[in-house]
Amino acid sequence: MITPEMIGQFMGMDIGKTDTKHLVDINALKFDNSLSKEKRISYIIKELQNPFCFRCGNMGIQIEFDDNAPPMDEVFTNFLIRKKSGL
Protein backbone atom coordinates (compact mmCIF):
# COMPACT_ATOMS: atom_id res chain seq x y z
CA MET A 1 0.00 0.00 0.00
CA ILE A 2 1.27 3.46 -0.89
CA THR A 3 1.37 5.91 1.97
CA PRO A 4 1.58 9.71 1.82
CA GLU A 5 5.08 9.41 3.29
CA MET A 6 6.15 7.15 0.43
CA ILE A 7 4.81 9.60 -2.14
CA GLY A 8 6.70 12.39 -0.41
CA GLN A 9 9.91 10.35 -0.63
CA PHE A 10 9.30 9.50 -4.28
CA MET A 11 8.66 13.11 -5.23
CA GLY A 12 11.53 14.42 -3.12
CA MET A 13 14.21 12.72 -5.19
CA ASP A 14 16.22 15.01 -7.48
CA ILE A 15 17.46 13.22 -10.57
CA GLY A 16 19.96 16.01 -11.15
CA LYS A 17 21.72 15.00 -7.94
CA THR A 18 21.44 11.25 -8.54
CA ASP A 19 23.89 9.00 -10.36
CA THR A 20 21.70 7.31 -12.98
CA LYS A 21 23.77 4.12 -12.64
CA HIS A 22 22.14 3.66 -9.23
CA LEU A 23 18.59 3.90 -10.61
CA VAL A 24 16.64 0.79 -11.59
CA ASP A 25 16.38 0.24 -15.35
CA ILE A 26 12.72 -0.08 -16.32
CA ASN A 27 13.76 -2.30 -19.26
CA ALA A 28 14.54 -5.05 -16.76
CA LEU A 29 10.93 -5.23 -15.52
CA LYS A 30 8.63 -7.98 -16.72
CA PHE A 31 5.03 -6.80 -16.86
CA ASP A 32 2.21 -9.30 -16.36
CA ASN A 33 -1.10 -7.81 -17.48
CA SER A 34 -2.97 -10.82 -16.10
CA LEU A 35 -2.31 -9.54 -12.55
CA SER A 36 -4.78 -7.20 -10.88
CA LYS A 37 -4.08 -3.47 -11.02
CA GLU A 38 -3.16 -3.45 -7.31
CA LYS A 39 -0.65 -6.30 -7.75
CA ARG A 40 0.93 -4.62 -10.78
CA ILE A 41 1.31 -1.37 -8.82
CA SER A 42 2.89 -3.24 -5.91
CA TYR A 43 5.26 -5.03 -8.28
CA ILE A 44 6.34 -1.77 -9.94
CA ILE A 45 6.95 -0.03 -6.62
CA LYS A 46 8.86 -3.02 -5.26
CA GLU A 47 11.05 -3.40 -8.35
CA LEU A 48 11.60 0.26 -9.31
CA GLN A 49 11.91 1.43 -5.71
CA ASN A 50 10.75 4.86 -6.93
CA PRO A 51 8.14 4.96 -9.72
CA PHE A 52 8.81 8.69 -10.20
CA CYS A 53 12.57 8.37 -10.77
CA PHE A 54 14.12 5.50 -12.71
CA ARG A 55 16.31 4.72 -15.69
CA CYS A 56 15.53 3.64 -19.24
CA GLY A 57 18.81 2.36 -20.67
CA ASN A 58 21.35 5.10 -19.94
CA MET A 59 18.75 7.87 -19.62
CA GLY A 60 17.47 8.98 -16.23
CA ILE A 61 13.72 9.61 -16.11
CA GLN A 62 11.93 11.72 -13.52
CA ILE A 63 8.16 12.02 -13.62
CA GLU A 64 6.52 15.17 -12.30
CA PHE A 65 2.89 16.24 -12.18
CA ASP A 66 1.50 19.75 -12.52
CA ASP A 67 -1.64 20.35 -10.45
CA ASN A 68 -2.72 23.05 -12.92
CA ALA A 69 -2.24 20.96 -16.06
CA PRO A 70 -5.23 19.66 -18.05
CA PRO A 71 -6.22 16.02 -17.45
CA MET A 72 -4.12 13.43 -19.27
CA ASP A 73 -7.10 12.01 -21.18
CA GLU A 74 -7.85 15.49 -22.57
CA VAL A 75 -4.23 16.03 -23.64
CA PHE A 76 -4.06 12.59 -25.25
CA THR A 77 -7.39 13.05 -27.06
CA ASN A 78 -6.24 16.40 -28.47
CA PHE A 79 -2.95 14.80 -29.55
CA LEU A 80 -4.80 12.06 -31.44
CA ILE A 81 -7.11 14.58 -33.11
CA ARG A 82 -4.12 16.66 -34.27
CA LYS A 83 -2.31 13.53 -35.44
CA LYS A 84 -5.33 12.37 -37.45
CA SER A 85 -5.70 15.77 -39.10
CA GLY A 86 -2.03 15.75 -40.12
CA LEU A 87 -0.77 18.46 -37.76
C-alpha atoms as a PDB file:
ATOM      1  CA  MET A   1       0.000   0.000   0.000  1.00  0.00           C
ATOM      2  CA  ILE A   2       1.266   3.456  -0.895  1.00  0.00           C
ATOM      3  CA  THR A   3       1.367   5.914   1.973  1.00  0.00           C
ATOM      4  CA  PRO A   4       1.583   9.713   1.817  1.00  0.00           C
ATOM      5  CA  GLU A   5       5.078   9.415   3.290  1.00  0.00           C
ATOM      6  CA  MET A   6       6.154   7.147   0.426  1.00  0.00           C
ATOM      7  CA  ILE A   7       4.807   9.596  -2.141  1.00  0.00           C
ATOM      8  CA  GLY A   8       6.703  12.394  -0.411  1.00  0.00           C
ATOM      9  CA  GLN A   9       9.909  10.354  -0.630  1.00  0.00           C
ATOM     10  CA  PHE A  10       9.302   9.498  -4.284  1.00  0.00           C
ATOM     11  CA  MET A  11       8.659  13.113  -5.225  1.00  0.00           C
ATOM     12  CA  GLY A  12      11.535  14.425  -3.119  1.00  0.00           C
ATOM     13  CA  MET A  13      14.208  12.723  -5.187  1.00  0.00           C
ATOM     14  CA  ASP A  14      16.215  15.013  -7.479  1.00  0.00           C
ATOM     15  CA  ILE A  15      17.460  13.220 -10.568  1.00  0.00           C
ATOM     16  CA  GLY A  16      19.962  16.011 -11.151  1.00  0.00           C
ATOM     17  CA  LYS A  17      21.718  14.997  -7.940  1.00  0.00           C
ATOM     18  CA  THR A  18      21.436  11.248  -8.540  1.00  0.00           C
ATOM     19  CA  ASP A  19      23.893   9.002 -10.363  1.00  0.00           C
ATOM     20  CA  THR A  20      21.704   7.314 -12.976  1.00  0.00           C
ATOM     21  CA  LYS A  21      23.771   4.121 -12.641  1.00  0.00           C
ATOM     22  CA  HIS A  22      22.139   3.658  -9.232  1.00  0.00           C
ATOM     23  CA  LEU A  23      18.590   3.900 -10.613  1.00  0.00           C
ATOM     24  CA  VAL A  24      16.640   0.789 -11.588  1.00  0.00           C
ATOM     25  CA  ASP A  25      16.376   0.244 -15.353  1.00  0.00           C
ATOM     26  CA  ILE A  26      12.718  -0.083 -16.320  1.00  0.00           C
ATOM     27  CA  ASN A  27      13.758  -2.297 -19.256  1.00  0.00           C
ATOM     28  CA  ALA A  28      14.536  -5.055 -16.755  1.00  0.00           C
ATOM     29  CA  LEU A  29      10.930  -5.227 -15.516  1.00  0.00           C
ATOM     30  CA  LYS A  30       8.634  -7.981 -16.725  1.00  0.00           C
ATOM     31  CA  PHE A  31       5.026  -6.796 -16.855  1.00  0.00           C
ATOM     32  CA  ASP A  32       2.213  -9.304 -16.362  1.00  0.00           C
ATOM     33  CA  ASN A  33      -1.104  -7.811 -17.480  1.00  0.00           C
ATOM     34  CA  SER A  34      -2.966 -10.823 -16.097  1.00  0.00           C
ATOM     35  CA  LEU A  35      -2.314  -9.543 -12.550  1.00  0.00           C
ATOM     36  CA  SER A  36      -4.776  -7.204 -10.877  1.00  0.00           C
ATOM     37  CA  LYS A  37      -4.084  -3.468 -11.015  1.00  0.00           C
ATOM     38  CA  GLU A  38      -3.162  -3.455  -7.312  1.00  0.00           C
ATOM     39  CA  LYS A  39      -0.649  -6.298  -7.745  1.00  0.00           C
ATOM     40  CA  ARG A  40       0.927  -4.618 -10.779  1.00  0.00           C
ATOM     41  CA  ILE A  41       1.308  -1.370  -8.822  1.00  0.00           C
ATOM     42  CA  SER A  42       2.891  -3.239  -5.908  1.00  0.00           C
ATOM     43  CA  TYR A  43       5.265  -5.027  -8.281  1.00  0.00           C
ATOM     44  CA  ILE A  44       6.343  -1.769  -9.944  1.00  0.00           C
ATOM     45  CA  ILE A  45       6.950  -0.028  -6.623  1.00  0.00           C
ATOM     46  CA  LYS A  46       8.857  -3.022  -5.259  1.00  0.00           C
ATOM     47  CA  GLU A  47      11.048  -3.400  -8.346  1.00  0.00           C
ATOM     48  CA  LEU A  48      11.604   0.259  -9.314  1.00  0.00           C
ATOM     49  CA  GLN A  49      11.912   1.428  -5.706  1.00  0.00           C
ATOM     50  CA  ASN A  50      10.755   4.857  -6.929  1.00  0.00           C
ATOM     51  CA  PRO A  51       8.145   4.955  -9.716  1.00  0.00           C
ATOM     52  CA  PHE A  52       8.809   8.694 -10.205  1.00  0.00           C
ATOM     53  CA  CYS A  53      12.567   8.372 -10.768  1.00  0.00           C
ATOM     54  CA  PHE A  54      14.117   5.503 -12.709  1.00  0.00           C
ATOM     55  CA  ARG A  55      16.311   4.722 -15.694  1.00  0.00           C
ATOM     56  CA  CYS A  56      15.529   3.635 -19.240  1.00  0.00           C
ATOM     57  CA  GLY A  57      18.815   2.358 -20.666  1.00  0.00           C
ATOM     58  CA  ASN A  58      21.345   5.098 -19.937  1.00  0.00           C
ATOM     59  CA  MET A  59      18.750   7.869 -19.623  1.00  0.00           C
ATOM     60  CA  GLY A  60      17.471   8.982 -16.232  1.00  0.00           C
ATOM     61  CA  ILE A  61      13.716   9.608 -16.113  1.00  0.00           C
ATOM     62  CA  GLN A  62      11.927  11.721 -13.516  1.00  0.00           C
ATOM     63  CA  ILE A  63       8.159  12.018 -13.622  1.00  0.00           C
ATOM     64  CA  GLU A  64       6.516  15.167 -12.297  1.00  0.00           C
ATOM     65  CA  PHE A  65       2.886  16.235 -12.176  1.00  0.00           C
ATOM     66  CA  ASP A  66       1.501  19.750 -12.515  1.00  0.00           C
ATOM     67  CA  ASP A  67      -1.636  20.352 -10.445  1.00  0.00           C
ATOM     68  CA  ASN A  68      -2.718  23.050 -12.922  1.00  0.00           C
ATOM     69  CA  ALA A  69      -2.243  20.958 -16.063  1.00  0.00           C
ATOM     70  CA  PRO A  70      -5.230  19.655 -18.049  1.00  0.00           C
ATOM     71  CA  PRO A  71      -6.223  16.022 -17.455  1.00  0.00           C
ATOM     72  CA  MET A  72      -4.115  13.433 -19.267  1.00  0.00           C
ATOM     73  CA  ASP A  73      -7.102  12.012 -21.176  1.00  0.00           C
ATOM     74  CA  GLU A  74      -7.852  15.490 -22.574  1.00  0.00           C
ATOM     75  CA  VAL A  75      -4.234  16.034 -23.644  1.00  0.00           C
ATOM     76  CA  PHE A  76      -4.061  12.593 -25.245  1.00  0.00           C
ATOM     77  CA  THR A  77      -7.392  13.053 -27.064  1.00  0.00           C
ATOM     78  CA  ASN A  78      -6.236  16.402 -28.471  1.00  0.00           C
ATOM     79  CA  PHE A  79      -2.953  14.805 -29.553  1.00  0.00           C
ATOM     80  CA  LEU A  80      -4.804  12.058 -31.439  1.00  0.00           C
ATOM     81  CA  ILE A  81      -7.114  14.585 -33.110  1.00  0.00           C
ATOM     82  CA  ARG A  82      -4.122  16.664 -34.269  1.00  0.00           C
ATOM     83  CA  LYS A  83      -2.305  13.525 -35.436  1.00  0.00           C
ATOM     84  CA  LYS A  84      -5.329  12.370 -37.446  1.00  0.00           C
ATOM     85  CA  SER A  85      -5.704  15.768 -39.098  1.00  0.00           C
ATOM     86  CA  GLY A  86      -2.033  15.745 -40.117  1.00  0.00           C
ATOM     87  CA  LEU A  87      -0.770  18.463 -37.764  1.00  0.00           C
END
